[in-house]
Amino acid sequence: QVQLVESGGGLVQVGGSLRLSCAASGFTSNNFGMAWFRQAPGKEREFVASINIWGGGRTDYSDSVKGRFTISRDNAKSTVSLQMNNLKPEDTAVYYCAALVTFGNSPRSSDRYNYWGQGTQVTVSS
């Protein structure tokens, strides 16, 4: 049974940094991709960043976080992290880790992901 367990998050001031981690278990091979999504109150869930666990670890970022957020992987620990720098109030949301079994690139559509973490709150105060 696949499980995703998130950690990190919390309250930070504008311009600060936070690091989220997502530990995956239950996958029988490395042919999967992982991503972070976020959902602010009253808004739809949106793509933040993704990374392929297999191969070269191709990454993808939404325009709103490119240059500020970095997604990385530790294949030995089946963990993906999201380093968030220069945080803005509009980054406030519940952040979700997601995963799917694939040999392709990790997509931006949340509908494609089969597995989800429980979510962790990130609040950026001004």
Foldseek 3Di string as FASTA:
>chain_A
DKAKAKDKADEAAAQAKIKMKIFIDDDPDQQKKKFKWWDDPPGDIFGAKIWRSPDPTDMDGDPVQPPFWDWDADNVRNMIMIIGGRDDQVVWTWMKMFMDRHNDGDDGDPVRTDYIHPTDTHGYHD
